[in-house]
Amino acid sequence: MLDDTPAKTHASTINPKRRQPLRPAVSAVVVLTLAVLTGCAEKKVPQSAPVITVPATSTTTVLPVGAPPPLKLTPIAALDAPITMAQRTGDDALYVVEKGGRIRVIRNGIVDTNPVLDIVNTVSTGSEQGLLGLAFAPGKPQFYVNYTDKNGDTHIVEYTLGADGLADIGTRRELIFQKQPASNHNGGQLAFGPDGQLYIGLGDGGGSGDPKKNGQNLSVLLGKILRINPTRSNELPYTIPADNPFSKRAGARGEIWAYGLRNPWRFSFDRDDKSMWIADVGQVKWEEINRVEADPRGGKNFGWPLREGLHQFDGNNPKDAVEPVHEYNHDAGRCSITGGYVYRGTGIPDMAGRYLFGDYCSGDVWSLTKRGTAWAADELSFKVPQLASFGEDRDGNVYVLSQKGQVSRIDPAGPQ
């Protein structure tokens, strides 16, 4: 599908009157099975276009002030439901996670036939379950995975890479086990922050509307972002950093770094200013993006389930809640946000400093920038069907992963 319309901009919500793309019929079973990893299992999931559109046909088009340039997607590999990507210190390879339980490595555009890790027989494969997260310890052979087991419960596990570049299964060490009360809202993201600590995203435990109010309950890990040092302590298989915001509060879990989240499916750190970007999947109407300035103290409350986006949901808006920098609604077939990265590569200078994000159901992708005192989102010139995740390589290039199988790099459009 060709989309040669100018980029569209919105400051607080996406324009509900924007032109909708034509969508061929898609099996409802396929949509309901695949469209909800990011946390909209209890919603009626719309159809999404099984195509990736190409960028604008001319690079000489006069763009609105501040609009992103025409872009294209360069196919890199085809995998089985790729769900997230990670990078390893000193390694140019792309490590891509397949939802079903394998980690594949792509070197120079070639997919290695031997998976780095294969735990297919351990992982559950429900719509919001699977092998969901991967992070490599900076400068070390250890890596960490986040997956749901056959019972649907969450495991955070450490492995060590052997000399052959594959996981040594005998080094398996479990850090965290979290019982999941429902099959949805499992979170899944893992990332080492600029401070060298491991950050872990957990959803609110599922069910519609956070029925147990886990998001605001500091005595449970659900509905939170955790911050730990994966080194074993005397009492735990990991260490709770002493400067964690609740490490010394009675009745609170010391692992918690931020709370009041519904399903922080994907978050990332800006490699330039070290800020943290959290895309939190909404309930019935509003998807939101939160930004946290570089600060290891944490302790932020993002409001769920008292608030969804900027709007009251179930109770009074907490006075200490941090407001999202951006939200959008479910008009035009949108349903579930997928967070990405702030672009810091050199290949597309006009994209520098833009935060990339998208929507699973519509395939729309945007960049977010601050203009004056307001944040504005610009729609990019391509779509990604069943957008599961973004990725970033050593050079700051940004990739998109579609659950339909494509791994693609975002590149400048160039002459058409």
Protein backbone atom coordinates (compact mmCIF):
# COMPACT_ATOMS: atom_id res chain seq x y z
CA MET A 1 0.00 0.00 0.00
CA LEU A 2 1.36 3.41 -0.96
CA ASP A 3 0.94 6.23 1.55
CA ASP A 4 2.12 9.53 0.13
CA THR A 5 0.20 11.84 2.45
CA PRO A 6 2.15 14.39 4.53
CA ALA A 7 3.01 13.49 8.09
CA LYS A 8 0.22 14.20 10.56
CA THR A 9 0.85 15.89 13.88
CA HIS A 10 -1.01 15.91 17.18
CA ALA A 11 -0.06 17.40 20.51
CA SER A 12 -2.18 15.46 22.98
CA THR A 13 -4.31 12.87 21.19
CA ILE A 14 -4.23 11.34 17.73
CA ASN A 15 -6.63 12.94 15.29
CA PRO A 16 -9.66 10.62 15.21
CA LYS A 17 -10.61 11.91 11.76
CA ARG A 18 -7.42 10.78 10.04
CA ARG A 19 -7.74 8.68 6.91
CA GLN A 20 -7.94 4.99 7.73
CA PRO A 21 -6.08 2.51 5.53
CA LEU A 22 -7.92 -0.18 3.62
CA ARG A 23 -7.69 -3.48 5.45
CA PRO A 24 -8.31 -6.88 3.93
CA ALA A 25 -10.29 -9.37 5.94
CA VAL A 26 -8.26 -11.18 8.59
CA SER A 27 -9.33 -14.28 10.45
CA ALA A 28 -10.83 -13.30 13.80
CA VAL A 29 -9.13 -16.30 15.36
CA VAL A 30 -5.72 -15.11 14.16
CA VAL A 31 -6.34 -11.56 15.35
CA LEU A 32 -7.56 -12.62 18.79
CA THR A 33 -4.64 -15.02 19.17
CA LEU A 34 -1.90 -12.62 18.08
CA ALA A 35 -3.16 -9.12 18.75
CA VAL A 36 -2.99 -9.12 22.49
CA LEU A 37 0.49 -9.83 23.69
CA THR A 38 0.67 -6.18 24.67
CA GLY A 39 -2.34 -6.29 26.94
CA CYS A 40 -5.69 -5.83 25.23
CA ALA A 41 -6.98 -9.39 25.66
CA GLU A 42 -10.30 -8.31 27.13
CA LYS A 43 -10.96 -5.86 24.29
CA LYS A 44 -12.63 -6.47 20.96
CA VAL A 45 -9.56 -6.54 18.73
CA PRO A 46 -9.89 -4.90 15.33
CA GLN A 47 -8.38 -6.18 12.13
CA SER A 48 -4.92 -5.02 11.10
CA ALA A 49 -3.44 -4.74 7.63
CA PRO A 50 -1.03 -7.57 6.81
CA VAL A 51 1.17 -5.30 4.68
CA ILE A 52 4.11 -2.98 5.21
CA THR A 53 3.64 0.19 3.21
CA VAL A 54 6.42 2.05 1.45
CA PRO A 55 7.41 5.67 2.12
CA ALA A 56 6.52 8.83 0.26
CA THR A 57 7.37 8.78 -3.43
CA SER A 58 9.50 11.93 -3.42
CA THR A 59 12.24 13.13 -1.12
CA THR A 60 11.69 16.70 -2.31
CA THR A 61 8.25 16.99 -0.73
CA VAL A 62 7.97 20.12 1.41
CA LEU A 63 7.35 18.82 4.92
CA PRO A 64 5.64 20.71 7.74
CA VAL A 65 8.01 22.35 10.20
CA GLY A 66 9.24 19.72 12.60
CA ALA A 67 7.83 16.79 10.62
CA PRO A 68 9.95 13.65 10.20
CA PRO A 69 11.49 12.82 6.81
CA PRO A 70 10.17 10.13 4.46
CA LEU A 71 11.33 6.72 5.65
CA LYS A 72 11.30 3.13 4.47
CA LEU A 73 11.57 -0.32 6.02
CA THR A 74 14.49 -2.47 4.92
CA PRO A 75 13.76 -6.18 5.48
CA ILE A 76 16.47 -7.88 7.56
CA ALA A 77 15.11 -11.33 8.36
CA ALA A 78 11.98 -13.45 8.61
CA LEU A 79 11.50 -15.30 11.91
CA ASP A 80 8.76 -17.07 13.84
CA ALA A 81 6.75 -14.39 15.69
CA PRO A 82 9.69 -12.14 16.69
CA ILE A 83 8.77 -10.37 19.89
CA THR A 84 11.80 -8.35 21.09
CA MET A 85 15.44 -7.61 20.32
CA ALA A 86 18.56 -7.01 22.42
CA GLN A 87 22.15 -6.05 21.84
CA ARG A 88 25.33 -7.34 23.45
CA THR A 89 28.42 -5.31 24.35
CA GLY A 90 31.06 -5.48 21.61
CA ASP A 91 28.86 -7.53 19.27
CA ASP A 92 27.33 -6.29 16.01
CA ALA A 93 24.85 -9.17 15.87
CA LEU A 94 21.12 -8.74 16.44
CA TYR A 95 19.66 -11.04 19.10
CA VAL A 96 15.98 -11.55 18.42
CA VAL A 97 13.49 -13.35 20.65
CA GLU A 98 10.81 -15.55 19.14
CA LYS A 99 7.64 -15.67 21.21
CA GLY A 100 7.54 -19.45 21.16
CA GLY A 101 10.74 -19.79 23.17
CA ARG A 102 13.87 -19.31 21.05
CA ILE A 103 16.56 -16.64 20.82
CA ARG A 104 17.92 -16.26 17.29
CA VAL A 105 21.04 -14.37 16.25
CA ILE A 106 21.32 -12.42 12.99
CA ARG A 107 24.86 -11.74 11.76
CA ASN A 108 25.46 -9.77 8.57
CA GLY A 109 21.87 -10.35 7.54
CA ILE A 110 22.07 -14.13 8.01
CA VAL A 111 20.07 -15.99 10.67
CA ASP A 112 22.17 -18.57 12.50
CA THR A 113 20.52 -21.97 12.29
CA ASN A 114 21.44 -22.73 15.91
CA PRO A 115 19.32 -20.78 18.40
CA VAL A 116 21.20 -19.14 21.26
CA LEU A 117 18.54 -20.53 23.58
CA ASP A 118 15.69 -22.95 23.02
CA ILE A 119 13.14 -23.33 25.84
CA VAL A 120 10.14 -24.09 23.65
CA ASN A 121 9.15 -27.01 25.86
CA THR A 122 9.08 -24.74 28.93
CA VAL A 123 7.24 -21.69 27.62
CA SER A 124 3.49 -21.15 27.42
CA THR A 125 2.22 -19.67 24.18
CA GLY A 126 -1.06 -17.97 25.09
CA SER A 127 -1.90 -14.68 23.41
CA GLU A 128 0.00 -12.61 25.98
CA GLN A 129 2.42 -15.30 27.07
CA GLY A 130 5.71 -16.68 25.82
CA LEU A 131 9.38 -15.78 25.89
CA LEU A 132 8.87 -12.04 26.30
CA GLY A 133 12.12 -10.33 27.30
CA LEU A 134 15.90 -10.47 26.88
CA ALA A 135 18.78 -8.40 28.27
CA PHE A 136 22.54 -8.95 28.18
CA ALA A 137 24.64 -7.93 31.16
CA PRO A 138 26.99 -5.13 30.04
CA GLY A 139 30.43 -6.53 29.33
CA LYS A 140 29.65 -9.95 30.81
CA PRO A 141 28.65 -13.37 29.41
CA GLN A 142 25.44 -13.50 31.44
CA PHE A 143 22.05 -12.75 29.94
CA TYR A 144 18.53 -12.65 31.36
CA VAL A 145 15.19 -13.78 30.01
CA ASN A 146 11.60 -13.12 31.04
CA TYR A 147 9.10 -15.85 30.17
CA THR A 148 5.83 -17.43 31.23
CA ASP A 149 5.81 -21.15 32.00
CA LYS A 150 3.18 -23.75 31.09
CA ASN A 151 1.09 -22.57 34.06
CA GLY A 152 1.27 -18.99 32.85
CA ASP A 153 3.55 -17.79 35.67
CA THR A 154 6.51 -15.45 35.16
CA HIS A 155 10.18 -16.40 35.53
CA ILE A 156 13.21 -14.10 35.38
CA VAL A 157 16.17 -16.37 34.68
CA GLU A 158 19.92 -15.95 34.17
CA TYR A 159 22.02 -17.96 31.71
CA THR A 160 25.68 -17.75 30.73
CA LEU A 161 26.87 -17.79 27.14
CA GLY A 162 29.40 -20.51 26.36
CA ALA A 163 32.47 -20.17 24.19
CA ASP A 164 30.35 -21.20 21.20
CA GLY A 165 28.04 -18.22 21.70
CA LEU A 166 25.16 -20.42 22.82
CA ALA A 167 23.50 -20.57 26.22
CA ASP A 168 25.01 -23.03 28.67
CA ILE A 169 21.80 -24.65 29.93
CA GLY A 170 23.61 -25.92 33.01
CA THR A 171 24.12 -22.34 34.22
CA ARG A 172 20.40 -21.64 34.53
CA ARG A 173 19.71 -19.59 37.67
CA GLU A 174 16.28 -18.29 38.58
CA LEU A 175 16.13 -14.80 40.05
CA ILE A 176 12.40 -14.10 40.34
CA PHE A 177 9.27 -16.22 40.16
CA GLN A 178 5.96 -14.37 40.02
CA LYS A 179 2.63 -16.15 40.23
CA GLN A 180 0.24 -14.71 37.63
CA PRO A 181 -3.45 -14.54 38.62
CA ALA A 182 -4.57 -14.27 34.98
CA SER A 183 -3.12 -14.99 31.55
CA ASN A 184 -2.84 -11.38 30.41
CA HIS A 185 -0.83 -8.29 31.38
CA ASN A 186 2.46 -10.10 31.99
CA GLY A 187 4.72 -7.22 31.00
CA GLY A 188 7.91 -8.81 29.75
CA GLN A 189 10.51 -6.11 29.20
CA LEU A 190 14.05 -6.45 30.57
CA ALA A 191 16.74 -3.79 30.20
CA PHE A 192 19.95 -2.76 31.92
CA GLY A 193 19.84 0.92 32.76
CA PRO A 194 22.65 3.45 32.48
CA ASP A 195 23.31 2.73 36.17
CA GLY A 196 24.09 -0.92 35.41
CA GLN A 197 21.05 -2.25 37.23
CA LEU A 198 18.50 -4.62 35.72
CA TYR A 199 15.01 -3.17 35.19
CA ILE A 200 12.03 -5.54 34.89
CA GLY A 201 8.50 -4.75 33.69
CA LEU A 202 5.55 -6.59 35.22
CA GLY A 203 1.90 -6.01 34.35
CA ASP A 204 -0.87 -5.71 36.92
CA GLY A 205 -1.69 -9.44 36.89
CA GLY A 206 -4.45 -9.27 34.32
CA GLY A 207 -8.18 -9.23 34.37
CA SER A 208 -10.10 -6.16 33.32
CA GLY A 209 -9.53 -2.96 35.28
CA ASP A 210 -6.93 -4.35 37.72
CA PRO A 211 -9.55 -6.00 39.98
CA LYS A 212 -7.07 -6.56 42.82
CA LYS A 213 -5.71 -2.98 42.56
CA ASN A 214 -2.18 -4.31 42.26
CA GLY A 215 -0.96 -1.19 40.48
CA GLN A 216 -1.19 0.89 43.68
CA ASN A 217 -0.21 -1.88 46.11
CA LEU A 218 3.44 -1.58 47.14
CA SER A 219 3.42 -4.97 48.85
CA VAL A 220 3.22 -6.83 45.51
CA LEU A 221 5.45 -6.77 42.43
CA LEU A 222 2.61 -6.70 39.89
CA GLY A 223 1.90 -3.46 38.05
CA LYS A 224 5.46 -2.25 38.60
CA ILE A 225 8.88 -1.71 37.14
CA LEU A 226 11.49 -3.40 39.31
CA ARG A 227 15.15 -2.49 39.71
CA ILE A 228 17.62 -5.08 40.95
CA ASN A 229 21.28 -5.99 40.87
CA PRO A 230 21.30 -9.58 39.55
CA THR A 231 24.25 -10.49 41.78
CA ARG A 232 23.28 -12.91 44.54
CA SER A 233 22.92 -11.51 48.07
CA ASN A 234 22.88 -13.35 51.39
CA GLU A 235 19.09 -13.68 51.39
CA LEU A 236 18.06 -13.54 47.73
CA PRO A 237 19.35 -14.70 44.33
CA TYR A 238 19.73 -10.99 43.54
CA THR A 239 20.51 -7.80 45.45
CA ILE A 240 18.07 -4.97 46.13
CA PRO A 241 19.96 -1.69 45.55
CA ALA A 242 20.14 0.35 48.74
CA ASP A 243 19.00 3.47 46.87
CA ASN A 244 15.77 1.89 45.60
CA PRO A 245 12.87 4.13 46.65
CA PHE A 246 11.11 1.56 48.88
CA SER A 247 14.07 -0.51 50.04
CA LYS A 248 13.62 0.66 53.63
CA ARG A 249 9.85 1.14 53.78
CA ALA A 250 7.99 -1.32 55.98
CA GLY A 251 5.38 -3.32 54.09
CA ALA A 252 6.73 -2.38 50.65
CA ARG A 253 8.73 -4.55 48.27
CA GLY A 254 12.22 -3.14 47.98
CA GLU A 255 12.57 -4.28 44.36
CA ILE A 256 9.99 -1.71 43.19
CA TRP A 257 11.34 1.28 41.26
CA ALA A 258 8.05 2.63 39.82
CA TYR A 259 4.40 1.71 40.23
CA GLY A 260 0.85 2.45 39.07
CA LEU A 261 1.31 0.70 35.71
CA ARG A 262 -1.15 -1.49 33.84
CA ASN A 263 1.12 -3.29 31.41
CA PRO A 264 4.49 -1.64 30.69
CA TRP A 265 5.00 -3.87 27.68
CA ARG A 266 8.07 -2.02 26.41
CA PHE A 267 10.34 0.60 27.97
CA SER A 268 13.77 1.91 27.01
CA PHE A 269 16.54 4.31 28.01
CA ASP A 270 17.67 7.22 25.86
CA ARG A 271 21.36 6.52 25.24
CA ASP A 272 22.01 10.29 25.14
CA ASP A 273 20.26 11.91 28.13
CA LYS A 274 19.62 8.58 29.99
CA SER A 275 15.92 9.31 30.45
CA MET A 276 13.52 6.37 30.66
CA TRP A 277 10.54 6.03 28.31
CA ILE A 278 7.65 3.78 29.34
CA ALA A 279 4.79 2.88 27.00
CA ASP A 280 1.94 1.61 29.19
CA VAL A 281 -0.87 -0.31 27.47
CA GLY A 282 -4.31 1.11 28.21
CA GLN A 283 -7.60 -0.48 29.22
CA VAL A 284 -10.57 0.63 27.19
CA LYS A 285 -9.71 3.95 25.59
CA TRP A 286 -6.32 5.56 26.31
CA GLU A 287 -2.74 4.50 25.55
CA GLU A 288 0.02 6.45 27.27
CA ILE A 289 3.72 7.30 27.18
CA ASN A 290 5.60 8.26 30.32
CA ARG A 291 9.04 9.83 30.46
CA VAL A 292 11.25 9.84 33.54
CA GLU A 293 14.35 12.02 33.77
CA ALA A 294 17.57 10.15 34.57
CA ASP A 295 17.26 9.53 38.31
CA PRO A 296 18.07 6.24 40.04
CA ARG A 297 15.88 7.18 43.00
CA GLY A 298 12.68 6.35 41.13
CA GLY A 299 9.51 6.06 43.23
CA LYS A 300 7.18 7.49 40.56
CA ASN A 301 3.47 6.65 40.63
CA PHE A 302 1.87 6.55 37.17
CA GLY A 303 -1.67 6.34 38.49
CA TRP A 304 -3.15 3.04 37.30
CA PRO A 305 -5.89 1.88 38.03
CA LEU A 306 -7.06 5.18 39.48
CA ARG A 307 -6.24 6.81 36.20
CA GLU A 308 -5.93 5.73 32.57
CA GLY A 309 -3.76 8.18 30.68
CA LEU A 310 -4.84 11.62 31.86
CA HIS A 311 -8.35 10.43 32.69
CA GLN A 312 -10.01 9.19 35.85
CA PHE A 313 -10.64 5.47 35.70
CA ASP A 314 -11.40 3.78 39.03
CA GLY A 315 -11.15 6.17 41.95
CA ASN A 316 -9.69 9.59 42.54
CA ASN A 317 -6.60 10.64 40.67
CA PRO A 318 -3.62 10.26 43.07
CA LYS A 319 -2.05 13.60 43.93
CA ASP A 320 1.46 12.25 43.45
CA ALA A 321 0.79 10.67 40.04
CA VAL A 322 3.14 11.57 37.20
CA GLU A 323 1.24 12.70 34.12
CA PRO A 324 2.08 11.04 30.81
CA VAL A 325 3.86 13.14 28.20
CA HIS A 326 1.52 11.76 25.54
CA GLU A 327 -1.67 9.75 25.16
CA TYR A 328 -3.85 8.61 22.28
CA ASN A 329 -7.28 7.03 22.02
CA HIS A 330 -8.63 3.93 20.31
CA ASP A 331 -10.18 5.64 17.31
CA ALA A 332 -9.25 4.46 13.81
CA GLY A 333 -8.77 0.85 14.88
CA ARG A 334 -6.05 1.46 17.46
CA CYS A 335 -5.87 -0.66 20.59
CA SER A 336 -2.46 -1.28 22.14
CA ILE A 337 0.72 0.80 22.33
CA THR A 338 4.19 -0.55 21.59
CA GLY A 339 7.03 1.57 22.91
CA GLY A 340 10.33 2.02 21.11
CA TYR A 341 13.49 4.09 21.33
CA VAL A 342 14.72 7.65 21.06
CA TYR A 343 16.55 7.74 17.74
CA ARG A 344 20.27 8.39 18.27
CA GLY A 345 21.68 6.93 15.07
CA THR A 346 23.60 8.88 12.43
CA GLY A 347 21.91 7.46 9.34
CA ILE A 348 18.80 9.68 9.57
CA PRO A 349 19.90 13.05 11.00
CA ASP A 350 16.38 14.54 10.85
CA MET A 351 15.17 11.81 13.22
CA ALA A 352 17.67 12.66 15.96
CA GLY A 353 16.01 12.94 19.38
CA ARG A 354 12.63 11.60 18.25
CA TYR A 355 11.00 8.89 20.35
CA LEU A 356 9.51 6.17 18.15
CA PHE A 357 6.37 4.25 19.12
CA GLY A 358 3.45 2.53 17.43
CA ASP A 359 0.16 0.71 17.79
CA TYR A 360 -0.25 -3.05 17.48
CA CYS A 361 -3.72 -3.16 15.95
CA SER A 362 -3.56 -0.32 13.42
CA GLY A 363 0.12 -0.66 12.54
CA ASP A 364 0.54 3.11 12.81
CA VAL A 365 4.00 4.35 13.84
CA TRP A 366 4.84 7.83 15.16
CA SER A 367 7.73 9.90 16.43
CA LEU A 368 7.35 12.10 19.50
CA THR A 369 9.25 15.35 19.98
CA LYS A 370 8.98 18.31 22.30
CA ARG A 371 8.09 21.61 20.63
CA GLY A 372 8.22 24.44 23.08
CA THR A 373 6.45 23.17 26.18
CA ALA A 374 4.28 20.56 24.43
CA TRP A 375 5.00 17.11 23.06
CA ALA A 376 3.85 16.45 19.50
CA ALA A 377 3.52 13.14 17.66
CA ASP A 378 4.04 12.85 13.91
CA GLU A 379 2.79 9.88 11.93
CA LEU A 380 5.55 8.20 9.95
CA SER A 381 5.35 7.15 6.31
CA PHE A 382 5.02 3.40 6.86
CA LYS A 383 2.93 0.89 8.80
CA VAL A 384 3.90 -2.29 10.62
CA PRO A 385 1.27 -5.02 10.92
CA GLN A 386 1.05 -6.66 14.34
CA LEU A 387 3.82 -4.41 15.68
CA ALA A 388 5.31 -6.31 18.62
CA SER A 389 8.47 -4.40 19.41
CA PHE A 390 11.24 -2.06 18.35
CA GLY A 391 14.96 -2.80 18.50
CA GLU A 392 18.20 -0.85 18.50
CA ASP A 393 21.70 -1.83 17.36
CA ARG A 394 25.13 -0.62 18.45
CA ASP A 395 25.07 2.24 15.94
CA GLY A 396 21.68 3.52 17.05
CA ASN A 397 19.75 2.21 14.06
CA VAL A 398 16.17 1.36 15.00
CA TYR A 399 14.32 -1.78 13.94
CA VAL A 400 10.68 -2.87 13.98
CA LEU A 401 9.48 -6.40 14.70
CA SER A 402 6.18 -7.69 13.42
CA GLN A 403 4.57 -10.80 14.85
CA LYS A 404 3.83 -11.74 11.27
CA GLY A 405 7.54 -12.57 11.07
CA GLN A 406 9.35 -9.54 9.65
CA VAL A 407 12.37 -7.91 11.22
CA SER A 408 13.05 -4.62 9.44
CA ARG A 409 15.34 -1.63 9.85
CA ILE A 410 14.07 1.94 9.58
CA ASP A 411 16.04 3.74 6.88
CA PRO A 412 15.80 7.02 4.97
CA ALA A 413 13.56 6.67 1.94
CA GLY A 414 16.09 7.87 -0.60
CA PRO A 415 15.23 8.66 -4.24
CA GLN A 416 12.18 6.87 -5.58
